[in-house]
Amino acid sequence: MTETPVTPAKKTAPAKKTAEAKPVPKPAPPVRPNLEDGARGIHVVFLETLLKARGLYERSNTSGSYGTTLMKSVRKAQSQAGMKVTGKVDQALWAWLQK
């Protein structure tokens, strides 16, 4: 009978300690631009949509243009939220509308 050569066992490195998983923080809400009379674009459309959802925007369609009608709706929202009524959209109003 022939003997099978025995190979020495390899030494394994000690297991590395893994760091405890840290909770992933929630992403910050998106910062919306401040808006006022004359503004145009997608943020204005979003504003119109939020106001409409709260019953504060009376137009049947969104225009994407910040004019007199939208300013009146913004003033209503500010008054309802207990904010200073300026007709201009700031971060506080965005936050209130998105609650």
N, C-alpha and C. Protein backbone atom coordinates (compact mmCIF):
# COMPACT_ATOMS: atom_id res chain seq x y z
N MET A 1 0.82 -1.16 0.00
CA MET A 1 0.00 0.00 0.00
C MET A 1 0.87 1.24 0.00
N THR A 2 0.44 2.23 -0.75
CA THR A 2 1.22 3.46 -0.79
C THR A 2 0.59 4.49 0.12
N GLU A 3 1.44 5.22 0.71
CA GLU A 3 0.94 6.26 1.63
C GLU A 3 0.65 7.54 0.86
N THR A 4 -0.49 8.16 1.18
CA THR A 4 -0.85 9.44 0.57
C THR A 4 -0.18 10.52 1.39
N PRO A 5 0.54 11.40 0.69
CA PRO A 5 1.20 12.45 1.45
C PRO A 5 0.17 13.37 2.12
N VAL A 6 0.45 13.72 3.31
CA VAL A 6 -0.43 14.60 4.08
C VAL A 6 0.09 16.03 3.93
N THR A 7 -0.82 16.90 3.51
CA THR A 7 -0.41 18.31 3.40
C THR A 7 -0.84 19.01 4.66
N PRO A 8 0.03 19.84 5.18
CA PRO A 8 -0.34 20.53 6.42
C PRO A 8 -1.53 21.46 6.17
N ALA A 9 -2.40 21.58 7.14
CA ALA A 9 -3.57 22.45 7.05
C ALA A 9 -3.11 23.90 6.98
N LYS A 10 -3.77 24.65 6.11
CA LYS A 10 -3.42 26.07 6.00
C LYS A 10 -4.02 26.81 7.17
N LYS A 11 -3.24 27.74 7.66
CA LYS A 11 -3.75 28.57 8.74
C LYS A 11 -4.65 29.63 8.12
N THR A 12 -5.81 29.80 8.69
CA THR A 12 -6.72 30.83 8.18
C THR A 12 -6.61 32.07 9.05
N ALA A 13 -6.77 33.17 8.41
CA ALA A 13 -6.70 34.45 9.13
C ALA A 13 -7.92 34.55 10.04
N PRO A 14 -7.76 35.18 11.19
CA PRO A 14 -8.92 35.33 12.07
C PRO A 14 -10.00 36.16 11.37
N ALA A 15 -11.22 35.84 11.64
CA ALA A 15 -12.34 36.55 11.02
C ALA A 15 -12.30 38.02 11.42
N LYS A 16 -12.52 38.85 10.43
CA LYS A 16 -12.55 40.28 10.70
C LYS A 16 -13.88 40.63 11.33
N LYS A 17 -13.82 41.51 12.28
CA LYS A 17 -15.06 41.98 12.90
C LYS A 17 -15.71 42.96 11.94
N THR A 18 -16.97 42.75 11.72
CA THR A 18 -17.69 43.68 10.84
C THR A 18 -18.34 44.76 11.70
N ALA A 19 -18.35 45.92 11.14
CA ALA A 19 -18.97 47.04 11.85
C ALA A 19 -20.48 46.82 11.87
N GLU A 20 -21.09 47.27 12.93
CA GLU A 20 -22.54 47.16 13.00
C GLU A 20 -23.16 48.04 11.93
N ALA A 21 -24.20 47.54 11.33
CA ALA A 21 -24.88 48.31 10.28
C ALA A 21 -25.51 49.54 10.91
N LYS A 22 -25.22 50.67 10.30
CA LYS A 22 -25.80 51.92 10.78
C LYS A 22 -27.08 52.18 9.99
N PRO A 23 -28.08 52.72 10.65
CA PRO A 23 -29.32 53.00 9.91
C PRO A 23 -29.07 54.06 8.84
N VAL A 24 -29.68 53.85 7.72
CA VAL A 24 -29.55 54.80 6.61
C VAL A 24 -30.49 55.96 6.88
N PRO A 25 -29.95 57.19 6.90
CA PRO A 25 -30.83 58.34 7.16
C PRO A 25 -31.78 58.57 6.00
N LYS A 26 -32.95 59.09 6.32
CA LYS A 26 -33.91 59.42 5.27
C LYS A 26 -33.36 60.61 4.48
N PRO A 27 -33.57 60.59 3.18
CA PRO A 27 -33.10 61.75 2.40
C PRO A 27 -33.91 62.98 2.76
N ALA A 28 -33.28 64.12 2.68
CA ALA A 28 -33.95 65.38 2.98
C ALA A 28 -34.98 65.64 1.89
N PRO A 29 -36.09 66.28 2.25
CA PRO A 29 -37.07 66.59 1.22
C PRO A 29 -36.46 67.56 0.21
N PRO A 30 -36.90 67.47 -1.02
CA PRO A 30 -36.32 68.35 -2.03
C PRO A 30 -36.58 69.82 -1.70
N VAL A 31 -35.63 70.64 -1.99
CA VAL A 31 -35.80 72.08 -1.78
C VAL A 31 -36.45 72.65 -3.03
N ARG A 32 -37.54 73.27 -2.84
CA ARG A 32 -38.26 73.89 -3.96
C ARG A 32 -37.86 75.36 -4.01
N PRO A 33 -37.87 75.93 -5.21
CA PRO A 33 -37.48 77.34 -5.30
C PRO A 33 -38.57 78.26 -4.76
N ASN A 34 -38.16 79.38 -4.24
CA ASN A 34 -39.12 80.41 -3.86
C ASN A 34 -39.73 80.94 -5.15
N LEU A 35 -41.02 81.19 -5.12
CA LEU A 35 -41.72 81.65 -6.33
C LEU A 35 -42.48 82.92 -6.04
N GLU A 36 -42.63 83.74 -7.08
CA GLU A 36 -43.42 84.95 -6.97
C GLU A 36 -44.01 85.27 -8.34
N ASP A 37 -44.79 86.32 -8.38
CA ASP A 37 -45.45 86.75 -9.62
C ASP A 37 -44.45 86.81 -10.77
N GLY A 38 -44.82 86.21 -11.88
CA GLY A 38 -43.96 86.21 -13.07
C GLY A 38 -43.18 84.92 -13.26
N ALA A 39 -43.13 84.07 -12.22
CA ALA A 39 -42.40 82.80 -12.34
C ALA A 39 -43.13 81.89 -13.32
N ARG A 40 -42.36 81.03 -13.98
CA ARG A 40 -42.93 80.06 -14.93
C ARG A 40 -42.21 78.73 -14.79
N GLY A 41 -42.90 77.67 -15.17
CA GLY A 41 -42.23 76.38 -15.25
C GLY A 41 -42.87 75.28 -14.41
N ILE A 42 -42.14 74.18 -14.33
CA ILE A 42 -42.63 72.96 -13.68
C ILE A 42 -42.92 73.16 -12.19
N HIS A 43 -42.15 74.00 -11.53
CA HIS A 43 -42.40 74.23 -10.10
C HIS A 43 -43.72 74.99 -9.90
N VAL A 44 -44.04 75.84 -10.83
CA VAL A 44 -45.32 76.55 -10.76
C VAL A 44 -46.47 75.57 -10.98
N VAL A 45 -46.30 74.65 -11.93
CA VAL A 45 -47.32 73.63 -12.16
C VAL A 45 -47.51 72.79 -10.90
N PHE A 46 -46.41 72.42 -10.24
CA PHE A 46 -46.49 71.64 -9.01
C PHE A 46 -47.22 72.44 -7.92
N LEU A 47 -46.92 73.72 -7.82
CA LEU A 47 -47.60 74.59 -6.85
C LEU A 47 -49.10 74.61 -7.13
N GLU A 48 -49.47 74.80 -8.39
CA GLU A 48 -50.89 74.82 -8.76
C GLU A 48 -51.57 73.51 -8.37
N THR A 49 -50.88 72.40 -8.58
CA THR A 49 -51.42 71.08 -8.26
C THR A 49 -51.63 70.92 -6.76
N LEU A 50 -50.65 71.36 -5.96
CA LEU A 50 -50.79 71.27 -4.50
C LEU A 50 -51.93 72.15 -3.99
N LEU A 51 -52.02 73.35 -4.52
CA LEU A 51 -53.10 74.25 -4.10
C LEU A 51 -54.46 73.70 -4.50
N LYS A 52 -54.53 73.13 -5.69
CA LYS A 52 -55.77 72.55 -6.18
C LYS A 52 -56.22 71.39 -5.28
N ALA A 53 -55.26 70.57 -4.85
CA ALA A 53 -55.57 69.43 -3.99
C ALA A 53 -56.16 69.88 -2.65
N ARG A 54 -55.82 71.07 -2.22
CA ARG A 54 -56.34 71.62 -0.97
C ARG A 54 -57.59 72.47 -1.18
N GLY A 55 -58.04 72.55 -2.42
CA GLY A 55 -59.23 73.34 -2.72
C GLY A 55 -58.98 74.83 -2.74
N LEU A 56 -57.72 75.23 -2.91
CA LEU A 56 -57.37 76.65 -2.87
C LEU A 56 -57.10 77.25 -4.25
N TYR A 57 -57.15 76.43 -5.28
CA TYR A 57 -56.89 76.92 -6.64
C TYR A 57 -58.11 76.59 -7.47
N GLU A 58 -58.74 77.62 -8.03
CA GLU A 58 -60.03 77.45 -8.68
C GLU A 58 -59.97 77.16 -10.18
N ARG A 59 -58.85 77.38 -10.80
CA ARG A 59 -58.78 77.14 -12.24
C ARG A 59 -58.86 75.64 -12.52
N SER A 60 -59.46 75.30 -13.64
CA SER A 60 -59.62 73.88 -13.97
C SER A 60 -58.35 73.26 -14.54
N ASN A 61 -57.47 74.09 -15.06
CA ASN A 61 -56.22 73.55 -15.62
C ASN A 61 -55.02 74.28 -15.03
N THR A 62 -53.85 73.67 -15.15
CA THR A 62 -52.63 74.32 -14.69
C THR A 62 -51.98 75.02 -15.88
N SER A 63 -51.40 76.17 -15.60
CA SER A 63 -50.82 76.97 -16.69
C SER A 63 -49.30 77.00 -16.64
N GLY A 64 -48.74 76.79 -15.45
CA GLY A 64 -47.28 76.90 -15.31
C GLY A 64 -46.81 78.34 -15.26
N SER A 65 -47.75 79.26 -15.10
CA SER A 65 -47.42 80.68 -15.07
C SER A 65 -47.99 81.29 -13.79
N TYR A 66 -47.13 81.95 -13.03
CA TYR A 66 -47.52 82.55 -11.74
C TYR A 66 -48.07 83.94 -12.01
N GLY A 67 -49.39 84.04 -11.99
CA GLY A 67 -50.04 85.32 -12.24
C GLY A 67 -50.98 85.69 -11.10
N THR A 68 -51.90 86.59 -11.39
CA THR A 68 -52.81 87.12 -10.39
C THR A 68 -53.66 86.04 -9.72
N THR A 69 -54.22 85.12 -10.50
CA THR A 69 -55.07 84.07 -9.94
C THR A 69 -54.29 83.19 -8.98
N LEU A 70 -53.10 82.80 -9.37
CA LEU A 70 -52.27 81.95 -8.52
C LEU A 70 -51.84 82.70 -7.26
N MET A 71 -51.53 83.98 -7.41
CA MET A 71 -51.12 84.78 -6.26
C MET A 71 -52.26 84.84 -5.22
N LYS A 72 -53.49 84.98 -5.68
CA LYS A 72 -54.63 85.00 -4.75
C LYS A 72 -54.73 83.67 -4.01
N SER A 73 -54.50 82.58 -4.73
CA SER A 73 -54.55 81.26 -4.10
C SER A 73 -53.43 81.09 -3.08
N VAL A 74 -52.25 81.60 -3.40
CA VAL A 74 -51.12 81.53 -2.48
C VAL A 74 -51.44 82.33 -1.22
N ARG A 75 -52.04 83.49 -1.38
CA ARG A 75 -52.42 84.31 -0.22
C ARG A 75 -53.43 83.58 0.66
N LYS A 76 -54.40 82.90 0.03
CA LYS A 76 -55.37 82.12 0.80
C LYS A 76 -54.65 81.03 1.60
N ALA A 77 -53.71 80.36 0.96
CA ALA A 77 -52.96 79.28 1.63
C ALA A 77 -52.16 79.83 2.80
N GLN A 78 -51.49 80.95 2.58
CA GLN A 78 -50.70 81.55 3.66
C GLN A 78 -51.59 81.93 4.84
N SER A 79 -52.74 82.49 4.55
CA SER A 79 -53.68 82.88 5.60
C SER A 79 -54.17 81.65 6.35
N GLN A 80 -54.53 80.62 5.61
CA GLN A 80 -55.01 79.37 6.22
C GLN A 80 -53.93 78.71 7.08
N ALA A 81 -52.67 78.85 6.67
CA ALA A 81 -51.56 78.24 7.40
C ALA A 81 -51.09 79.10 8.57
N GLY A 82 -51.65 80.30 8.71
CA GLY A 82 -51.25 81.20 9.79
C GLY A 82 -49.92 81.87 9.53
N MET A 83 -49.57 82.02 8.27
CA MET A 83 -48.31 82.65 7.87
C MET A 83 -48.54 84.11 7.48
N LYS A 84 -47.46 84.84 7.39
CA LYS A 84 -47.53 86.21 6.89
C LYS A 84 -47.99 86.14 5.44
N VAL A 85 -49.00 86.92 5.09
CA VAL A 85 -49.57 86.89 3.75
C VAL A 85 -48.77 87.83 2.84
N THR A 86 -48.01 87.22 1.93
CA THR A 86 -47.16 88.00 1.02
C THR A 86 -47.48 87.73 -0.45
N GLY A 87 -48.10 86.58 -0.72
CA GLY A 87 -48.34 86.20 -2.11
C GLY A 87 -47.12 85.57 -2.76
N LYS A 88 -46.05 85.42 -1.98
CA LYS A 88 -44.82 84.79 -2.49
C LYS A 88 -44.65 83.44 -1.81
N VAL A 89 -44.19 82.46 -2.56
CA VAL A 89 -44.02 81.11 -2.03
C VAL A 89 -42.60 80.94 -1.49
N ASP A 90 -42.50 80.56 -0.22
CA ASP A 90 -41.19 80.30 0.39
C ASP A 90 -41.15 78.86 0.88
N GLN A 91 -40.06 78.47 1.52
CA GLN A 91 -39.90 77.09 1.97
C GLN A 91 -40.96 76.68 3.00
N ALA A 92 -41.36 77.61 3.85
CA ALA A 92 -42.37 77.30 4.86
C ALA A 92 -43.70 76.95 4.19
N LEU A 93 -44.07 77.68 3.15
CA LEU A 93 -45.33 77.39 2.47
C LEU A 93 -45.24 76.07 1.71
N TRP A 94 -44.11 75.82 1.06
CA TRP A 94 -43.92 74.53 0.38
C TRP A 94 -44.12 73.40 1.38
N ALA A 95 -43.49 73.51 2.54
CA ALA A 95 -43.59 72.45 3.56
C ALA A 95 -45.04 72.27 3.98
N TRP A 96 -45.75 73.34 4.22
CA TRP A 96 -47.14 73.26 4.64
C TRP A 96 -48.00 72.60 3.56
N LEU A 97 -47.78 72.97 2.31
CA LEU A 97 -48.57 72.42 1.21
C LEU A 97 -48.32 70.92 1.01
N GLN A 98 -47.12 70.47 1.38
CA GLN A 98 -46.77 69.07 1.14
C GLN A 98 -47.05 68.15 2.32
N LYS A 99 -47.67 68.68 3.37
CA LYS A 99 -48.03 67.85 4.54
C LYS A 99 -49.12 66.88 4.15
